[in-house]
Amino acid sequence: MKTISVLLLLSLALAVTGCNTVKGVGQDLQKAGEKIEDAAKKK
């Protein structure tokens, strides 16, 4: 469980530094959600 928590925190840190802003994170999450939604519609 500790390893999973560390990996989750590292990936979150990378995502935040890649976007540089909370707004950027929100946009990235929205785009990811749209892609998942599109993939679900195709099936």
C-alpha atoms as a PDB file:
ATOM      1  CA  MET A   1       0.000   0.000   0.000  1.00  0.00           C
ATOM      2  CA  LYS A   2       2.865   2.355   0.807  1.00  0.00           C
ATOM      3  CA  THR A   3       4.394   1.791  -2.639  1.00  0.00           C
ATOM      4  CA  ILE A   4       1.107   2.572  -4.367  1.00  0.00           C
ATOM      5  CA  SER A   5       0.755   5.783  -2.355  1.00  0.00           C
ATOM      6  CA  VAL A   6       4.275   6.890  -3.267  1.00  0.00           C
ATOM      7  CA  LEU A   7       3.704   6.168  -6.965  1.00  0.00           C
ATOM      8  CA  LEU A   8       0.408   8.044  -6.891  1.00  0.00           C
ATOM      9  CA  LEU A   9       2.016  11.081  -5.271  1.00  0.00           C
ATOM     10  CA  LEU A  10       4.881  11.064  -7.766  1.00  0.00           C
ATOM     11  CA  SER A  11       2.556  10.882 -10.742  1.00  0.00           C
ATOM     12  CA  LEU A  12       0.413  13.669  -9.293  1.00  0.00           C
ATOM     13  CA  ALA A  13       3.505  15.819  -8.779  1.00  0.00           C
ATOM     14  CA  LEU A  14       4.596  15.240 -12.373  1.00  0.00           C
ATOM     15  CA  ALA A  15       1.141  16.127 -13.677  1.00  0.00           C
ATOM     16  CA  VAL A  16       1.012  19.339 -11.650  1.00  0.00           C
ATOM     17  CA  THR A  17       4.498  20.463 -12.684  1.00  0.00           C
ATOM     18  CA  GLY A  18       3.724  19.654 -16.309  1.00  0.00           C
ATOM     19  CA  CYS A  19       0.660  21.888 -16.295  1.00  0.00           C
ATOM     20  CA  ASN A  20       2.046  24.588 -13.987  1.00  0.00           C
ATOM     21  CA  THR A  21      -1.446  25.738 -12.983  1.00  0.00           C
ATOM     22  CA  VAL A  22      -4.577  24.343 -11.422  1.00  0.00           C
ATOM     23  CA  LYS A  23      -6.468  25.538 -14.489  1.00  0.00           C
ATOM     24  CA  GLY A  24      -4.133  23.494 -16.676  1.00  0.00           C
ATOM     25  CA  VAL A  25      -4.741  20.400 -14.552  1.00  0.00           C
ATOM     26  CA  GLY A  26      -8.483  20.901 -14.915  1.00  0.00           C
ATOM     27  CA  GLN A  27      -8.170  21.181 -18.684  1.00  0.00           C
ATOM     28  CA  ASP A  28      -6.040  18.040 -18.856  1.00  0.00           C
ATOM     29  CA  LEU A  29      -8.543  16.097 -16.769  1.00  0.00           C
ATOM     30  CA  GLN A  30     -11.385  17.331 -18.950  1.00  0.00           C
ATOM     31  CA  LYS A  31      -9.600  16.214 -22.125  1.00  0.00           C
ATOM     32  CA  ALA A  32      -8.861  12.815 -20.586  1.00  0.00           C
ATOM     33  CA  GLY A  33     -12.513  12.459 -19.589  1.00  0.00           C
ATOM     34  CA  GLU A  34     -13.627  13.321 -23.116  1.00  0.00           C
ATOM     35  CA  LYS A  35     -11.341  10.672 -24.600  1.00  0.00           C
ATOM     36  CA  ILE A  36     -12.653   8.049 -22.186  1.00  0.00           C
ATOM     37  CA  GLU A  37     -16.220   9.068 -23.015  1.00  0.00           C
ATOM     38  CA  ASP A  38     -15.524   8.828 -26.754  1.00  0.00           C
ATOM     39  CA  ALA A  39     -13.954   5.393 -26.319  1.00  0.00           C
ATOM     40  CA  ALA A  40     -16.989   4.229 -24.324  1.00  0.00           C
ATOM     41  CA  LYS A  41     -19.356   5.455 -27.047  1.00  0.00           C
ATOM     42  CA  LYS A  42     -17.477   3.494 -29.723  1.00  0.00           C
ATOM     43  CA  LYS A  43     -18.026   0.182 -27.897  1.00  0.00           C
END
